[in-house]
């Protein structure tokens, strides 16, 4: 006869860890065991309370105490809070438009005007500076937690060039480093550039 032996593990459960809005956070259990990155299901955990820590370079560290129940999957969904950094940007003359394009989160854009003093999510940015009558500038900026970023940029006087598309308004046109606009459009062009 065939004998089948089944071993039940009543004192073990599992844990599913999910982070929002971004996956890819490092999971540490009981302050020492790194078990992978989110989203993750961790199998065969002893039924007891455990400390769960979740770390991500762009977000604040989160710690939770979770009770693992026997023969049950415990689900832990963590809302991550972005790390923020202090930023101060001035231009000569003031009144320029700032467009902070996130390198860490493509498509995320923060728009401000100078003088600007405030908080931005940590990470790298491409900063486009523009003001009518002055040439646009592009700068790279790294925003970190606990370190203020202070920048002062001098704008260069420019000539205004008007672009018209006869017979068709609203055509997207681009000139040099200037942001694209719909026609008819005015662009600031620095002499000699």
Protein backbone atom coordinates (compact mmCIF):
# COMPACT_ATOMS: atom_id res chain seq x y z
CA UNK A 1 0.00 0.00 0.00
CA UNK A 2 1.04 3.60 -0.65
CA UNK A 3 1.34 5.76 2.40
CA UNK A 4 1.05 9.49 2.18
CA UNK A 5 2.52 11.54 4.95
CA UNK A 6 1.35 15.13 5.31
CA UNK A 7 3.12 17.47 7.65
CA UNK A 8 1.12 20.46 8.72
CA UNK A 9 2.96 23.56 9.83
CA UNK A 10 0.33 25.21 11.98
CA UNK A 11 2.74 27.72 13.50
CA UNK A 12 3.69 29.42 10.23
CA UNK A 13 2.04 32.06 8.08
CA UNK A 14 2.99 34.42 5.24
CA UNK A 15 3.28 38.17 4.73
CA UNK A 16 2.51 40.17 1.59
CA UNK A 17 4.15 43.62 1.52
CA UNK A 18 3.05 46.23 -1.04
CA UNK A 19 4.22 49.86 -1.25
CA UNK A 20 2.39 52.68 -3.02
CA UNK A 21 2.81 54.79 -5.05
CA UNK A 22 6.08 53.04 -6.05
CA UNK A 23 7.27 49.46 -5.85
CA UNK A 24 10.95 48.63 -5.36
CA UNK A 25 11.33 49.36 -1.63
CA UNK A 26 13.70 47.16 0.39
CA UNK A 27 12.02 45.03 3.10
CA UNK A 28 13.80 44.20 6.36
CA UNK A 29 12.33 41.96 9.07
CA UNK A 30 13.17 42.22 12.77
CA UNK A 31 15.84 44.88 12.16
CA UNK A 32 18.27 42.46 10.53
CA UNK A 33 16.90 40.16 7.82
CA UNK A 34 16.66 41.76 4.37
CA UNK A 35 14.07 39.67 2.50
CA UNK A 36 13.71 41.40 -0.86
CA UNK A 37 11.91 44.30 -2.51
CA UNK A 38 8.24 45.22 -2.82
CA UNK A 39 5.86 43.87 -3.90
CA UNK A 40 6.75 40.61 -2.17
CA UNK A 41 5.11 37.62 -0.52
CA UNK A 42 7.29 36.18 2.23
CA UNK A 43 6.42 32.54 2.95
CA UNK A 44 6.90 30.37 6.02
CA UNK A 45 7.20 33.00 8.73
CA UNK A 46 6.81 31.98 12.36
CA UNK A 47 3.44 32.98 13.84
CA UNK A 48 4.32 35.93 16.08
CA UNK A 49 4.78 39.69 16.01
CA UNK A 50 7.52 41.02 13.73
CA UNK A 51 9.05 44.40 13.00
CA UNK A 52 8.86 45.28 9.29
CA UNK A 53 10.96 48.12 7.86
CA UNK A 54 10.59 49.42 4.32
CA UNK A 55 13.28 51.66 2.72
CA UNK A 56 13.33 53.45 -0.64
CA UNK A 57 15.81 56.16 -1.70
CA UNK A 58 13.04 58.63 -2.64
CA UNK A 59 10.72 57.95 0.29
CA UNK A 60 10.82 58.15 4.08
CA UNK A 61 11.58 54.90 5.91
CA UNK A 62 8.46 53.21 7.29
CA UNK A 63 8.37 50.84 10.27
CA UNK A 64 5.39 48.67 11.22
CA UNK A 65 4.79 45.92 13.75
CA UNK A 66 2.81 43.08 12.19
CA UNK A 67 1.28 40.00 13.78
CA UNK A 68 1.77 36.89 11.64
CA UNK A 69 -1.12 34.47 12.21
CA UNK A 70 -0.85 30.69 11.71
CA UNK A 71 -1.83 29.37 8.26
CA UNK A 72 -2.85 32.90 7.15
CA UNK A 73 -1.48 35.45 4.71
CA UNK A 74 -1.16 38.84 6.39
CA UNK A 75 -1.27 41.76 3.95
CA UNK A 76 0.64 44.97 4.64
CA UNK A 77 -0.02 47.89 2.31
CA UNK A 78 2.24 50.87 3.02
CA UNK A 79 1.57 54.39 1.75
CA UNK A 80 5.03 55.83 1.21
CA UNK A 81 5.68 59.52 1.90
CA UNK A 82 8.17 61.33 -0.35
CA UNK A 83 11.34 62.75 1.13
CA UNK A 84 11.44 66.51 0.60
CA UNK A 85 14.29 68.99 0.21
CA UNK A 86 14.58 72.75 0.62
CA UNK A 87 15.10 74.69 -2.61
CA UNK A 88 15.70 78.41 -3.19
CA UNK A 89 16.01 79.79 -6.74
CA UNK A 90 16.48 83.44 -7.64
CA UNK A 91 16.95 85.01 -11.06
CA UNK A 92 18.18 88.39 -12.20
CA UNK A 93 15.75 89.87 -13.09
CA UNK A 94 13.05 88.14 -10.99
CA UNK A 95 9.77 86.88 -12.42
CA UNK A 96 11.12 83.99 -14.48
CA UNK A 97 9.12 80.80 -14.90
CA UNK A 98 10.73 77.63 -13.52
CA UNK A 99 9.89 74.18 -14.83
CA UNK A 100 11.30 71.38 -12.65
CA UNK A 101 11.21 68.13 -14.68
CA UNK A 102 11.77 65.10 -12.43
CA UNK A 103 14.43 62.66 -13.64
CA UNK A 104 13.33 60.04 -11.07
CA UNK A 105 9.68 60.18 -12.13
CA UNK A 106 9.47 60.99 -15.86
CA UNK A 107 6.41 63.08 -16.66
CA UNK A 108 6.31 64.68 -13.19
CA UNK A 109 6.71 68.45 -13.50
CA UNK A 110 6.67 71.18 -10.85
CA UNK A 111 6.07 74.74 -12.07
CA UNK A 112 7.08 77.78 -10.02
CA UNK A 113 8.26 81.35 -10.60
CA UNK A 114 11.16 83.30 -9.17
CA UNK A 115 11.94 84.08 -6.53
CA UNK A 116 11.06 80.55 -5.37
CA UNK A 117 11.69 79.22 -1.88
CA UNK A 118 9.99 75.96 -1.00
CA UNK A 119 10.05 72.21 -0.78
CA UNK A 120 10.43 69.79 -3.67
CA UNK A 121 10.47 65.98 -3.64
CA UNK A 122 14.04 64.64 -3.46
CA UNK A 123 15.74 63.51 -6.66
CA UNK A 124 17.29 64.88 -9.81
CA UNK A 125 15.67 67.60 -11.89
CA UNK A 126 16.15 69.29 -15.24
CA UNK A 127 15.23 72.92 -14.56
CA UNK A 128 14.09 75.09 -17.47
CA UNK A 129 14.18 78.83 -16.76
CA UNK A 130 12.28 81.17 -19.08
CA UNK A 131 11.11 84.79 -19.15
CA UNK A 132 9.76 86.81 -22.05
CA UNK A 133 12.51 89.01 -23.46
CA UNK A 134 15.28 86.75 -22.11
CA UNK A 135 16.91 83.56 -23.37
CA UNK A 136 15.80 80.28 -21.82
CA UNK A 137 18.28 78.33 -19.72
CA UNK A 138 18.48 74.66 -18.74
CA UNK A 139 20.13 73.56 -15.49
CA UNK A 140 20.53 70.26 -13.65
CA UNK A 141 19.64 70.19 -9.96
CA UNK A 142 19.88 67.50 -7.29
CA UNK A 143 17.47 67.89 -4.36
CA UNK A 144 18.34 65.99 -1.20
CA UNK A 145 16.83 65.73 2.24
CA UNK A 146 18.47 67.84 4.98
CA UNK A 147 20.53 69.93 2.51
CA UNK A 148 19.29 73.21 1.09
CA UNK A 149 19.83 73.84 -2.61
CA UNK A 150 20.33 77.55 -3.39
CA UNK A 151 20.76 78.79 -6.95
CA UNK A 152 20.94 82.25 -8.52
CA UNK A 153 20.88 82.54 -12.29
CA UNK A 154 21.36 85.68 -14.41
CA UNK A 155 19.13 85.84 -17.46
CA UNK A 156 20.48 87.13 -20.78
CA UNK A 157 18.48 89.77 -22.70
CA UNK A 158 17.04 88.43 -25.95
CA UNK A 159 15.22 89.53 -29.08
CA UNK A 160 11.61 88.49 -29.59
CA UNK A 161 11.00 86.34 -32.68
CA UNK A 162 7.37 85.79 -33.67
CA UNK A 163 6.55 82.56 -35.52
CA UNK A 164 3.32 82.48 -37.51
CA UNK A 165 2.00 79.53 -39.51
CA UNK A 166 -0.20 81.13 -42.20
CA UNK A 167 -3.54 79.42 -42.61
CA UNK A 168 -3.07 77.11 -39.62
CA UNK A 169 -3.18 78.32 -36.03
CA UNK A 170 -2.24 76.02 -33.18
CA UNK A 171 0.65 74.26 -34.94
CA UNK A 172 3.28 73.27 -32.35
CA UNK A 173 6.55 75.08 -33.10
CA UNK A 174 9.95 74.97 -31.38
CA UNK A 175 12.90 77.31 -31.66
CA UNK A 176 16.28 76.52 -30.05
CA UNK A 177 16.10 75.70 -26.33
CA UNK A 178 12.80 77.53 -25.93
CA UNK A 179 9.83 75.39 -24.81
CA UNK A 180 7.51 74.35 -27.65
CA UNK A 181 4.50 76.62 -28.21
CA UNK A 182 1.41 76.69 -30.40
CA UNK A 183 1.46 79.21 -33.24
CA UNK A 184 1.35 82.10 -33.41
CA UNK A 185 4.22 82.02 -30.91
CA UNK A 186 6.78 84.47 -29.49
CA UNK A 187 10.27 83.16 -28.76
CA UNK A 188 13.13 84.88 -26.96
CA UNK A 189 16.37 84.52 -28.93
CA UNK A 190 19.71 85.57 -27.46
CA UNK A 191 21.84 87.38 -30.07
CA UNK A 192 24.75 85.24 -31.26
CA UNK A 193 23.19 81.93 -30.17
